[in-house]
Amino acid sequence: MKLHRKKIIAPLVITILLVIYYMGFSAACILMKGLPLAVKLLGTIIPLILARGCIYVLVERIREIRSGEEDDLSNY
């Protein structure tokens, strides 16, 4: 189990950093004055979708690590 924790740390840290970045970008778009509503919506929705995608990929990667399927290329 300890081996799994070490392999999960890097994807977890990267995902956290990306989600913080995307949330900050969304907050900046919301708080900017003078931007049209359409630009604010796009600047908010797109990064939130990307953050959700990062979290989904992290969950899938954790499942792969726990199941022992380390190398995806070995399947092909």
PDB file of N, CA and C in Angstrom:
ATOM      1  N   MET A   1       0.823  -1.204   0.000  1.00  0.00           N
ATOM      2  CA  MET A   1       0.000   0.000   0.000  1.00  0.00           C
ATOM      3  C   MET A   1       0.861   1.259   0.000  1.00  0.00           C
ATOM      4  N   LYS A   2       2.025   1.188   0.645  1.00  0.00           N
ATOM      5  CA  LYS A   2       2.879   2.356   0.689  1.00  0.00           C
ATOM      6  C   LYS A   2       3.418   2.708  -0.696  1.00  0.00           C
ATOM      7  N   LEU A   3       3.657   1.682  -1.516  1.00  0.00           N
ATOM      8  CA  LEU A   3       4.106   1.936  -2.883  1.00  0.00           C
ATOM      9  C   LEU A   3       3.063   2.723  -3.655  1.00  0.00           C
ATOM     10  N   HIS A   4       1.812   2.403  -3.438  1.00  0.00           N
ATOM     11  CA  HIS A   4       0.745   3.106  -4.142  1.00  0.00           C
ATOM     12  C   HIS A   4       0.703   4.574  -3.752  1.00  0.00           C
ATOM     13  N   ARG A   5       0.922   4.857  -2.500  1.00  0.00           N
ATOM     14  CA  ARG A   5       0.892   6.256  -2.043  1.00  0.00           C
ATOM     15  C   ARG A   5       1.960   7.082  -2.727  1.00  0.00           C
ATOM     16  N   LYS A   6       3.149   6.518  -2.872  1.00  0.00           N
ATOM     17  CA  LYS A   6       4.237   7.260  -3.512  1.00  0.00           C
ATOM     18  C   LYS A   6       3.928   7.543  -4.974  1.00  0.00           C
ATOM     19  N   LYS A   7       3.253   6.623  -5.632  1.00  0.00           N
ATOM     20  CA  LYS A   7       2.940   6.802  -7.047  1.00  0.00           C
ATOM     21  C   LYS A   7       1.760   7.740  -7.262  1.00  0.00           C
ATOM     22  N   ILE A   8       0.974   7.942  -6.237  1.00  0.00           N
ATOM     23  CA  ILE A   8      -0.192   8.812  -6.346  1.00  0.00           C
ATOM     24  C   ILE A   8       0.166  10.271  -6.069  1.00  0.00           C
ATOM     25  N   ILE A   9       1.260  10.517  -5.375  1.00  0.00           N
ATOM     26  CA  ILE A   9       1.609  11.877  -4.950  1.00  0.00           C
ATOM     27  C   ILE A   9       1.780  12.830  -6.129  1.00  0.00           C
ATOM     28  N   ALA A  10       2.553  12.459  -7.138  1.00  0.00           N
ATOM     29  CA  ALA A  10       2.821  13.364  -8.271  1.00  0.00           C
ATOM     30  C   ALA A  10       1.542  13.739  -9.029  1.00  0.00           C
ATOM     31  N   PRO A  11       0.707  12.767  -9.430  1.00  0.00           N
ATOM     32  CA  PRO A  11      -0.527  13.171 -10.116  1.00  0.00           C
ATOM     33  C   PRO A  11      -1.435  14.035  -9.242  1.00  0.00           C
ATOM     34  N   LEU A  12      -1.452  13.740  -7.942  1.00  0.00           N
ATOM     35  CA  LEU A  12      -2.295  14.512  -7.026  1.00  0.00           C
ATOM     36  C   LEU A  12      -1.820  15.959  -6.926  1.00  0.00           C
ATOM     37  N   VAL A  13      -0.520  16.153  -6.778  1.00  0.00           N
ATOM     38  CA  VAL A  13       0.030  17.511  -6.667  1.00  0.00           C
ATOM     39  C   VAL A  13      -0.212  18.291  -7.953  1.00  0.00           C
ATOM     40  N   ILE A  14       0.032  17.669  -9.094  1.00  0.00           N
ATOM     41  CA  ILE A  14      -0.178  18.354 -10.381  1.00  0.00           C
ATOM     42  C   ILE A  14      -1.643  18.732 -10.548  1.00  0.00           C
ATOM     43  N   THR A  15      -2.538  17.822 -10.203  1.00  0.00           N
ATOM     44  CA  THR A  15      -3.967  18.109 -10.327  1.00  0.00           C
ATOM     45  C   THR A  15      -4.379  19.247  -9.416  1.00  0.00           C
ATOM     46  N   ILE A  16      -3.894  19.256  -8.192  1.00  0.00           N
ATOM     47  CA  ILE A  16      -4.225  20.336  -7.263  1.00  0.00           C
ATOM     48  C   ILE A  16      -3.750  21.671  -7.812  1.00  0.00           C
ATOM     49  N   LEU A  17      -2.529  21.705  -8.329  1.00  0.00           N
ATOM     50  CA  LEU A  17      -2.000  22.964  -8.887  1.00  0.00           C
ATOM     51  C   LEU A  17      -2.817  23.429 -10.091  1.00  0.00           C
ATOM     52  N   LEU A  18      -3.174  22.508 -10.966  1.00  0.00           N
ATOM     53  CA  LEU A  18      -3.967  22.886 -12.140  1.00  0.00           C
ATOM     54  C   LEU A  18      -5.359  23.381 -11.745  1.00  0.00           C
ATOM     55  N   VAL A  19      -5.982  22.713 -10.790  1.00  0.00           N
ATOM     56  CA  VAL A  19      -7.317  23.128 -10.363  1.00  0.00           C
ATOM     57  C   VAL A  19      -7.257  24.505  -9.713  1.00  0.00           C
ATOM     58  N   ILE A  20      -6.241  24.762  -8.901  1.00  0.00           N
ATOM     59  CA  ILE A  20      -6.079  26.092  -8.293  1.00  0.00           C
ATOM     60  C   ILE A  20      -5.891  27.146  -9.381  1.00  0.00           C
ATOM     61  N   TYR A  21      -5.088  26.837 -10.391  1.00  0.00           N
ATOM     62  CA  TYR A  21      -4.861  27.771 -11.497  1.00  0.00           C
ATOM     63  C   TYR A  21      -6.167  28.077 -12.233  1.00  0.00           C
ATOM     64  N   TYR A  22      -6.911  27.012 -12.576  1.00  0.00           N
ATOM     65  CA  TYR A  22      -8.166  27.205 -13.302  1.00  0.00           C
ATOM     66  C   TYR A  22      -9.188  27.969 -12.473  1.00  0.00           C
ATOM     67  N   MET A  23      -9.258  27.684 -11.184  1.00  0.00           N
ATOM     68  CA  MET A  23     -10.201  28.406 -10.319  1.00  0.00           C
ATOM     69  C   MET A  23      -9.801  29.883 -10.209  1.00  0.00           C
ATOM     70  N   GLY A  24      -8.505  30.130 -10.108  1.00  0.00           N
ATOM     71  CA  GLY A  24      -8.033  31.514 -10.056  1.00  0.00           C
ATOM     72  C   GLY A  24      -8.342  32.265 -11.339  1.00  0.00           C
ATOM     73  N   PHE A  25      -8.164  31.599 -12.464  1.00  0.00           N
ATOM     74  CA  PHE A  25      -8.478  32.224 -13.742  1.00  0.00           C
ATOM     75  C   PHE A  25      -9.968  32.536 -13.829  1.00  0.00           C
ATOM     76  N   SER A  26     -10.798  31.601 -13.378  1.00  0.00           N
ATOM     77  CA  SER A  26     -12.250  31.831 -13.388  1.00  0.00           C
ATOM     78  C   SER A  26     -12.621  33.004 -12.493  1.00  0.00           C
ATOM     79  N   ALA A  27     -12.027  33.053 -11.309  1.00  0.00           N
ATOM     80  CA  ALA A  27     -12.303  34.153 -10.387  1.00  0.00           C
ATOM     81  C   ALA A  27     -11.864  35.487 -10.979  1.00  0.00           C
ATOM     82  N   ALA A  28     -10.713  35.480 -11.643  1.00  0.00           N
ATOM     83  CA  ALA A  28     -10.231  36.719 -12.260  1.00  0.00           C
ATOM     84  C   ALA A  28     -11.180  37.187 -13.364  1.00  0.00           C
ATOM     85  N   CYS A  29     -11.705  36.252 -14.135  1.00  0.00           N
ATOM     86  CA  CYS A  29     -12.644  36.621 -15.201  1.00  0.00           C
ATOM     87  C   CYS A  29     -13.932  37.191 -14.625  1.00  0.00           C
ATOM     88  N   ILE A  30     -14.387  36.628 -13.534  1.00  0.00           N
ATOM     89  CA  ILE A  30     -15.616  37.121 -12.906  1.00  0.00           C
ATOM     90  C   ILE A  30     -15.403  38.512 -12.328  1.00  0.00           C
ATOM     91  N   LEU A  31     -14.256  38.743 -11.725  1.00  0.00           N
ATOM     92  CA  LEU A  31     -14.008  39.997 -11.023  1.00  0.00           C
ATOM     93  C   LEU A  31     -13.557  41.145 -11.928  1.00  0.00           C
ATOM     94  N   MET A  32     -13.159  40.863 -13.159  1.00  0.00           N
ATOM     95  CA  MET A  32     -12.725  41.929 -14.065  1.00  0.00           C
ATOM     96  C   MET A  32     -13.907  42.785 -14.470  1.00  0.00           C
ATOM     97  N   LYS A  33     -13.710  44.067 -14.343  1.00  0.00           N
ATOM     98  CA  LYS A  33     -14.766  44.998 -14.739  1.00  0.00           C
ATOM     99  C   LYS A  33     -14.549  45.405 -16.183  1.00  0.00           C
ATOM    100  N   GLY A  34     -15.628  45.622 -16.877  1.00  0.00           N
ATOM    101  CA  GLY A  34     -15.554  46.075 -18.252  1.00  0.00           C
ATOM    102  C   GLY A  34     -15.581  44.960 -19.283  1.00  0.00           C
ATOM    103  N   LEU A  35     -15.561  43.725 -18.845  1.00  0.00           N
ATOM    104  CA  LEU A  35     -15.654  42.618 -19.806  1.00  0.00           C
ATOM    105  C   LEU A  35     -17.118  42.352 -20.139  1.00  0.00           C
ATOM    106  N   PRO A  36     -17.402  42.055 -21.379  1.00  0.00           N
ATOM    107  CA  PRO A  36     -18.777  41.683 -21.725  1.00  0.00           C
ATOM    108  C   PRO A  36     -19.170  40.381 -21.022  1.00  0.00           C
ATOM    109  N   LEU A  37     -20.468  40.216 -20.839  1.00  0.00           N
ATOM    110  CA  LEU A  37     -20.984  39.047 -20.124  1.00  0.00           C
ATOM    111  C   LEU A  37     -20.584  37.744 -20.808  1.00  0.00           C
ATOM    112  N   ALA A  38     -20.604  37.719 -22.141  1.00  0.00           N
ATOM    113  CA  ALA A  38     -20.245  36.503 -22.871  1.00  0.00           C
ATOM    114  C   ALA A  38     -18.795  36.104 -22.601  1.00  0.00           C
ATOM    115  N   VAL A  39     -17.904  37.065 -22.542  1.00  0.00           N
ATOM    116  CA  VAL A  39     -16.493  36.786 -22.273  1.00  0.00           C
ATOM    117  C   VAL A  39     -16.323  36.287 -20.840  1.00  0.00           C
ATOM    118  N   LYS A  40     -17.052  36.894 -19.910  1.00  0.00           N
ATOM    119  CA  LYS A  40     -16.990  36.436 -18.519  1.00  0.00           C
ATOM    120  C   LYS A  40     -17.487  34.997 -18.394  1.00  0.00           C
ATOM    121  N   LEU A  41     -18.574  34.687 -19.089  1.00  0.00           N
ATOM    122  CA  LEU A  41     -19.109  33.329 -19.028  1.00  0.00           C
ATOM    123  C   LEU A  41     -18.134  32.316 -19.618  1.00  0.00           C
ATOM    124  N   LEU A  42     -17.583  32.631 -20.783  1.00  0.00           N
ATOM    125  CA  LEU A  42     -16.616  31.726 -21.403  1.00  0.00           C
ATOM    126  C   LEU A  42     -15.353  31.598 -20.557  1.00  0.00           C
ATOM    127  N   GLY A  43     -14.900  32.712 -20.001  1.00  0.00           N
ATOM    128  CA  GLY A  43     -13.703  32.704 -19.165  1.00  0.00           C
ATOM    129  C   GLY A  43     -13.915  32.002 -17.846  1.00  0.00           C
ATOM    130  N   THR A  44     -15.147  31.763 -17.490  1.00  0.00           N
ATOM    131  CA  THR A  44     -15.462  31.053 -16.259  1.00  0.00           C
ATOM    132  C   THR A  44     -15.788  29.592 -16.530  1.00  0.00           C
ATOM    133  N   ILE A  45     -16.594  29.336 -17.529  1.00  0.00           N
ATOM    134  CA  ILE A  45     -17.076  27.978 -17.787  1.00  0.00           C
ATOM    135  C   ILE A  45     -15.968  27.075 -18.326  1.00  0.00           C
ATOM    136  N   ILE A  46     -15.178  27.556 -19.261  1.00  0.00           N
ATOM    137  CA  ILE A  46     -14.138  26.718 -19.868  1.00  0.00           C
ATOM    138  C   ILE A  46     -13.104  26.247 -18.837  1.00  0.00           C
ATOM    139  N   PRO A  47     -12.556  27.132 -18.007  1.00  0.00           N
ATOM    140  CA  PRO A  47     -11.612  26.632 -16.994  1.00  0.00           C
ATOM    141  C   PRO A  47     -12.255  25.682 -15.985  1.00  0.00           C
ATOM    142  N   LEU A  48     -13.511  25.874 -15.656  1.00  0.00           N
ATOM    143  CA  LEU A  48     -14.174  24.960 -14.735  1.00  0.00           C
ATOM    144  C   LEU A  48     -14.351  23.576 -15.365  1.00  0.00           C
ATOM    145  N   ILE A  49     -14.641  23.538 -16.648  1.00  0.00           N
ATOM    146  CA  ILE A  49     -14.737  22.249 -17.353  1.00  0.00           C
ATOM    147  C   ILE A  49     -13.367  21.574 -17.384  1.00  0.00           C
ATOM    148  N   LEU A  50     -12.320  22.343 -17.621  1.00  0.00           N
ATOM    149  CA  LEU A  50     -10.967  21.784 -17.634  1.00  0.00           C
ATOM    150  C   LEU A  50     -10.577  21.253 -16.251  1.00  0.00           C
ATOM    151  N   ALA A  51     -10.951  21.975 -15.196  1.00  0.00           N
ATOM    152  CA  ALA A  51     -10.662  21.514 -13.833  1.00  0.00           C
ATOM    153  C   ALA A  51     -11.392  20.208 -13.549  1.00  0.00           C
ATOM    154  N   ARG A  52     -12.628  20.116 -13.982  1.00  0.00           N
ATOM    155  CA  ARG A  52     -13.397  18.882 -13.791  1.00  0.00           C
ATOM    156  C   ARG A  52     -12.739  17.729 -14.552  1.00  0.00           C
ATOM    157  N   GLY A  53     -12.261  18.001 -15.742  1.00  0.00           N
ATOM    158  CA  GLY A  53     -11.563  16.977 -16.519  1.00  0.00           C
ATOM    159  C   GLY A  53     -10.284  16.513 -15.831  1.00  0.00           C
ATOM    160  N   CYS A  54      -9.548  17.444 -15.236  1.00  0.00           N
ATOM    161  CA  CYS A  54      -8.330  17.077 -14.510  1.00  0.00           C
ATOM    162  C   CYS A  54      -8.648  16.160 -13.335  1.00  0.00           C
ATOM    163  N   ILE A  55      -9.718  16.472 -12.624  1.00  0.00           N
ATOM    164  CA  ILE A  55     -10.109  15.646 -11.483  1.00  0.00           C
ATOM    165  C   ILE A  55     -10.534  14.259 -11.966  1.00  0.00           C
ATOM    166  N   TYR A  56     -11.246  14.186 -13.072  1.00  0.00           N
ATOM    167  CA  TYR A  56     -11.658  12.900 -13.624  1.00  0.00           C
ATOM    168  C   TYR A  56     -10.443  12.048 -14.000  1.00  0.00           C
ATOM    169  N   VAL A  57      -9.461  12.678 -14.654  1.00  0.00           N
ATOM    170  CA  VAL A  57      -8.250  11.954 -15.053  1.00  0.00           C
ATOM    171  C   VAL A  57      -7.483  11.492 -13.819  1.00  0.00           C
ATOM    172  N   LEU A  58      -7.451  12.305 -12.766  1.00  0.00           N
ATOM    173  CA  LEU A  58      -6.783  11.904 -11.532  1.00  0.00           C
ATOM    174  C   LEU A  58      -7.444  10.668 -10.934  1.00  0.00           C
ATOM    175  N   VAL A  59      -8.761  10.660 -10.883  1.00  0.00           N
ATOM    176  CA  VAL A  59      -9.477   9.508 -10.333  1.00  0.00           C
ATOM    177  C   VAL A  59      -9.175   8.256 -11.157  1.00  0.00           C
ATOM    178  N   GLU A  60      -9.167   8.384 -12.475  1.00  0.00           N
ATOM    179  CA  GLU A  60      -8.856   7.246 -13.333  1.00  0.00           C
ATOM    180  C   GLU A  60      -7.419   6.763 -13.099  1.00  0.00           C
ATOM    181  N   ARG A  61      -6.498   7.682 -12.943  1.00  0.00           N
ATOM    182  CA  ARG A  61      -5.092   7.314 -12.707  1.00  0.00           C
ATOM    183  C   ARG A  61      -4.945   6.595 -11.371  1.00  0.00           C
ATOM    184  N   ILE A  62      -5.628   7.049 -10.353  1.00  0.00           N
ATOM    185  CA  ILE A  62      -5.567   6.391  -9.050  1.00  0.00           C
ATOM    186  C   ILE A  62      -6.127   4.975  -9.155  1.00  0.00           C
ATOM    187  N   ARG A  63      -7.200   4.807  -9.904  1.00  0.00           N
ATOM    188  CA  ARG A  63      -7.759   3.457 -10.108  1.00  0.00           C
ATOM    189  C   ARG A  63      -6.757   2.556 -10.827  1.00  0.00           C
ATOM    190  N   GLU A  64      -6.060   3.099 -11.823  1.00  0.00           N
ATOM    191  CA  GLU A  64      -5.052   2.318 -12.537  1.00  0.00           C
ATOM    192  C   GLU A  64      -3.923   1.894 -11.612  1.00  0.00           C
ATOM    193  N   ILE A  65      -3.463   2.815 -10.791  1.00  0.00           N
ATOM    194  CA  ILE A  65      -2.363   2.513  -9.879  1.00  0.00           C
ATOM    195  C   ILE A  65      -2.784   1.442  -8.879  1.00  0.00           C
ATOM    196  N   ARG A  66      -3.969   1.568  -8.331  1.00  0.00           N
ATOM    197  CA  ARG A  66      -4.438   0.596  -7.340  1.00  0.00           C
ATOM    198  C   ARG A  66      -4.689  -0.778  -7.947  1.00  0.00           C
ATOM    199  N   SER A  67      -5.077  -0.832  -9.205  1.00  0.00           N
ATOM    200  CA  SER A  67      -5.328  -2.131  -9.829  1.00  0.00           C
ATOM    201  C   SER A  67      -4.040  -2.779 -10.325  1.00  0.00           C
ATOM    202  N   GLY A  68      -2.946  -2.051 -10.289  1.00  0.00           N
ATOM    203  CA  GLY A  68      -1.673  -2.598 -10.715  1.00  0.00           C
ATOM    204  C   GLY A  68      -1.394  -2.419 -12.186  1.00  0.00           C
ATOM    205  N   GLU A  69      -2.233  -1.715 -12.875  1.00  0.00           N
ATOM    206  CA  GLU A  69      -2.049  -1.473 -14.307  1.00  0.00           C
ATOM    207  C   GLU A  69      -1.205  -0.219 -14.484  1.00  0.00           C
ATOM    208  N   GLU A  70       0.098  -0.369 -14.296  1.00  0.00           N
ATOM    209  CA  GLU A  70       1.002   0.779 -14.286  1.00  0.00           C
ATOM    210  C   GLU A  70       1.282   1.327 -15.675  1.00  0.00           C
ATOM    211  N   ASP A  71       1.571   0.446 -16.589  1.00  0.00           N
ATOM    212  CA  ASP A  71       2.027   0.867 -17.912  1.00  0.00           C
ATOM    213  C   ASP A  71       0.934   0.618 -18.939  1.00  0.00           C
ATOM    214  N   ASP A  72       0.311   1.669 -19.393  1.00  0.00           N
ATOM    215  CA  ASP A  72      -0.755   1.535 -20.375  1.00  0.00           C
ATOM    216  C   ASP A  72      -0.232   1.047 -21.731  1.00  0.00           C
ATOM    217  N   LEU A  73       1.007   1.365 -22.049  1.00  0.00           N
ATOM    218  CA  LEU A  73       1.567   0.993 -23.351  1.00  0.00           C
ATOM    219  C   LEU A  73       1.778  -0.505 -23.473  1.00  0.00           C
ATOM    220  N   SER A  74       1.891  -1.196 -22.356  1.00  0.00           N
ATOM    221  CA  SER A  74       2.115  -2.637 -22.417  1.00  0.00           C
ATOM    222  C   SER A  74       0.876  -3.370 -22.918  1.00  0.00           C
ATOM    223  N   ASN A  75      -0.259  -2.717 -22.937  1.00  0.00           N
ATOM    224  CA  ASN A  75      -1.487  -3.329 -23.421  1.00  0.00           C
ATOM    225  C   ASN A  75      -1.545  -3.395 -24.949  1.00  0.00           C
ATOM    226  N   TYR A  76      -0.694  -2.642 -25.625  1.00  0.00           N
ATOM    227  CA  TYR A  76      -0.778  -2.547 -27.085  1.00  0.00           C
ATOM    228  C   TYR A  76       0.359  -3.266 -27.747  1.00  0.00           C
TER     229      TYR A  76
END
